Amino acid sequence: MNEEEFLRRTGRLLPRRVRQAVLRDLREMFQAAEEAGESEEEGLERLGTPEEFAAPFREGRRRILPQVLLALGAAMAAVGALLSSWWPRAMACPGHCCCAED
């Protein structure tokens, strides 16, 4: 399964009231993970199946928030870990900018 298939299957399972926002957030998360060097397969594995991901949204309001926050928190932590290792190398001065010696 690829990201688009995951989004399509998840969208069919989500309640209408949250579908658009959740799919938008997932797209942003996939993009951030890709920019941080995470493979599509790693991102999809972390989220589980579309059925597992959509389940908290379908179980009622009281149970949604903790599970969704946990899932999104874990996803963002993984992206953060990737960025923290990549960012310092990407931002290191290459020696041809304003801090280069004349």
C-alpha atoms as a PDB file:
ATOM      1  CA  MET A   1       0.000   0.000   0.000  1.00  0.00           C
ATOM      2  CA  ASN A   2       1.220   3.525  -0.714  1.00  0.00           C
ATOM      3  CA  GLU A   3       0.293   6.879   0.874  1.00  0.00           C
ATOM      4  CA  GLU A   4      -2.503   7.660  -1.588  1.00  0.00           C
ATOM      5  CA  GLU A   5      -4.125   4.267  -1.047  1.00  0.00           C
ATOM      6  CA  PHE A   6      -3.809   4.746   2.728  1.00  0.00           C
ATOM      7  CA  LEU A   7      -5.463   8.177   2.477  1.00  0.00           C
ATOM      8  CA  ARG A   8      -8.242   6.876   0.229  1.00  0.00           C
ATOM      9  CA  ARG A   9      -9.035   3.905   2.469  1.00  0.00           C
ATOM     10  CA  THR A  10      -8.784   5.971   5.662  1.00  0.00           C
ATOM     11  CA  GLY A  11     -11.029   8.682   4.196  1.00  0.00           C
ATOM     12  CA  ARG A  12     -13.756   6.134   3.548  1.00  0.00           C
ATOM     13  CA  LEU A  13     -13.606   5.021   7.176  1.00  0.00           C
ATOM     14  CA  LEU A  14     -13.578   8.446   8.855  1.00  0.00           C
ATOM     15  CA  PRO A  15     -16.763  10.186  10.021  1.00  0.00           C
ATOM     16  CA  ARG A  16     -17.693  13.039   7.708  1.00  0.00           C
ATOM     17  CA  ARG A  17     -17.306  15.679  10.450  1.00  0.00           C
ATOM     18  CA  VAL A  18     -13.552  15.055  10.786  1.00  0.00           C
ATOM     19  CA  ARG A  19     -12.602  13.568   7.420  1.00  0.00           C
ATOM     20  CA  GLN A  20     -11.258  16.673   5.704  1.00  0.00           C
ATOM     21  CA  ALA A  21      -9.186  17.871   8.683  1.00  0.00           C
ATOM     22  CA  VAL A  22      -7.693  14.451   9.423  1.00  0.00           C
ATOM     23  CA  LEU A  23      -6.752  13.803   5.795  1.00  0.00           C
ATOM     24  CA  ARG A  24      -5.162  17.266   5.560  1.00  0.00           C
ATOM     25  CA  ASP A  25      -3.124  16.577   8.710  1.00  0.00           C
ATOM     26  CA  LEU A  26      -2.045  13.179   7.397  1.00  0.00           C
ATOM     27  CA  ARG A  27      -0.884  14.714   4.106  1.00  0.00           C
ATOM     28  CA  GLU A  28       1.137  17.321   6.006  1.00  0.00           C
ATOM     29  CA  MET A  29       2.630  14.621   8.217  1.00  0.00           C
ATOM     30  CA  PHE A  30       3.591  12.480   5.207  1.00  0.00           C
ATOM     31  CA  GLN A  31       5.231  15.509   3.579  1.00  0.00           C
ATOM     32  CA  ALA A  32       7.176  16.440   6.733  1.00  0.00           C
ATOM     33  CA  ALA A  33       8.326  12.850   7.205  1.00  0.00           C
ATOM     34  CA  GLU A  34       9.475  12.653   3.582  1.00  0.00           C
ATOM     35  CA  GLU A  35      11.389  15.929   3.928  1.00  0.00           C
ATOM     36  CA  ALA A  36      13.050  14.508   7.044  1.00  0.00           C
ATOM     37  CA  GLY A  37      14.202  11.450   5.122  1.00  0.00           C
ATOM     38  CA  GLU A  38      11.665   8.916   6.371  1.00  0.00           C
ATOM     39  CA  SER A  39      10.576   6.377   3.766  1.00  0.00           C
ATOM     40  CA  GLU A  40       6.937   5.992   2.764  1.00  0.00           C
ATOM     41  CA  GLU A  41       6.998   2.450   4.129  1.00  0.00           C
ATOM     42  CA  GLU A  42       8.263   3.598   7.557  1.00  0.00           C
ATOM     43  CA  GLY A  43       5.551   6.235   7.828  1.00  0.00           C
ATOM     44  CA  LEU A  44       2.793   3.840   6.869  1.00  0.00           C
ATOM     45  CA  GLU A  45       4.076   1.180   9.260  1.00  0.00           C
ATOM     46  CA  ARG A  46       4.020   3.666  12.129  1.00  0.00           C
ATOM     47  CA  LEU A  47       0.363   4.556  11.460  1.00  0.00           C
ATOM     48  CA  GLY A  48      -0.894   0.983  11.206  1.00  0.00           C
ATOM     49  CA  THR A  49      -3.725  -0.005   8.891  1.00  0.00           C
ATOM     50  CA  PRO A  50      -6.359   2.492   7.767  1.00  0.00           C
ATOM     51  CA  GLU A  51      -8.841   0.582   9.939  1.00  0.00           C
ATOM     52  CA  GLU A  52      -6.613   0.889  13.013  1.00  0.00           C
ATOM     53  CA  PHE A  53      -5.938   4.566  12.372  1.00  0.00           C
ATOM     54  CA  ALA A  54      -9.624   5.463  11.799  1.00  0.00           C
ATOM     55  CA  ALA A  55     -10.982   3.407  14.715  1.00  0.00           C
ATOM     56  CA  PRO A  56     -10.623   6.095  17.412  1.00  0.00           C
ATOM     57  CA  PHE A  57     -12.588   8.555  15.289  1.00  0.00           C
ATOM     58  CA  ARG A  58     -15.425   6.079  14.937  1.00  0.00           C
ATOM     59  CA  GLU A  59     -15.734   5.018  18.597  1.00  0.00           C
ATOM     60  CA  GLY A  60     -17.311   8.139  20.045  1.00  0.00           C
ATOM     61  CA  ARG A  61     -16.123  11.496  21.269  1.00  0.00           C
ATOM     62  CA  ARG A  62     -14.967  10.456  24.737  1.00  0.00           C
ATOM     63  CA  ARG A  63     -12.517   7.926  23.405  1.00  0.00           C
ATOM     64  CA  ILE A  64     -11.268   9.856  20.389  1.00  0.00           C
ATOM     65  CA  LEU A  65      -9.081  12.569  21.851  1.00  0.00           C
ATOM     66  CA  PRO A  66      -6.602  10.489  23.892  1.00  0.00           C
ATOM     67  CA  GLN A  67      -6.079   7.933  21.126  1.00  0.00           C
ATOM     68  CA  VAL A  68      -5.774  10.502  18.363  1.00  0.00           C
ATOM     69  CA  LEU A  69      -3.365  12.617  20.362  1.00  0.00           C
ATOM     70  CA  LEU A  70      -1.291   9.551  21.144  1.00  0.00           C
ATOM     71  CA  ALA A  71      -1.163   8.467  17.486  1.00  0.00           C
ATOM     72  CA  LEU A  72      -0.383  11.950  16.152  1.00  0.00           C
ATOM     73  CA  GLY A  73       2.062  12.597  18.995  1.00  0.00           C
ATOM     74  CA  ALA A  74       3.975   9.430  18.180  1.00  0.00           C
ATOM     75  CA  ALA A  75       4.024  10.338  14.510  1.00  0.00           C
ATOM     76  CA  MET A  76       5.264  13.855  15.191  1.00  0.00           C
ATOM     77  CA  ALA A  77       7.887  12.562  17.647  1.00  0.00           C
ATOM     78  CA  ALA A  78       9.281  10.325  14.927  1.00  0.00           C
ATOM     79  CA  VAL A  79       9.386  13.217  12.468  1.00  0.00           C
ATOM     80  CA  GLY A  80      11.000  15.408  15.135  1.00  0.00           C
ATOM     81  CA  ALA A  81      13.665  12.804  15.779  1.00  0.00           C
ATOM     82  CA  LEU A  82      14.458  12.647  12.092  1.00  0.00           C
ATOM     83  CA  LEU A  83      14.578  16.428  11.782  1.00  0.00           C
ATOM     84  CA  SER A  84      16.807  16.818  14.847  1.00  0.00           C
ATOM     85  CA  SER A  85      19.442  14.613  13.259  1.00  0.00           C
ATOM     86  CA  TRP A  86      19.115  16.183   9.805  1.00  0.00           C
ATOM     87  CA  TRP A  87      18.692  19.892  10.665  1.00  0.00           C
ATOM     88  CA  PRO A  88      22.166  20.626  12.113  1.00  0.00           C
ATOM     89  CA  ARG A  89      23.872  19.139   9.051  1.00  0.00           C
ATOM     90  CA  ALA A  90      21.572  20.978   6.653  1.00  0.00           C
ATOM     91  CA  MET A  91      22.091  24.310   8.379  1.00  0.00           C
ATOM     92  CA  ALA A  92      25.870  24.050   8.769  1.00  0.00           C
ATOM     93  CA  CYS A  93      27.587  26.876   6.978  1.00  0.00           C
ATOM     94  CA  PRO A  94      29.018  25.638   3.675  1.00  0.00           C
ATOM     95  CA  GLY A  95      31.738  28.307   3.739  1.00  0.00           C
ATOM     96  CA  HIS A  96      30.452  30.416   0.886  1.00  0.00           C
ATOM     97  CA  CYS A  97      28.042  32.669   2.729  1.00  0.00           C
ATOM     98  CA  CYS A  98      28.341  35.670   4.993  1.00  0.00           C
ATOM     99  CA  CYS A  99      30.455  33.883   7.603  1.00  0.00           C
ATOM    100  CA  ALA A 100      33.222  32.878   5.177  1.00  0.00           C
ATOM    101  CA  GLU A 101      36.544  34.513   5.766  1.00  0.00           C
ATOM    102  CA  ASP A 102      37.649  37.092   3.222  1.00  0.00           C
END
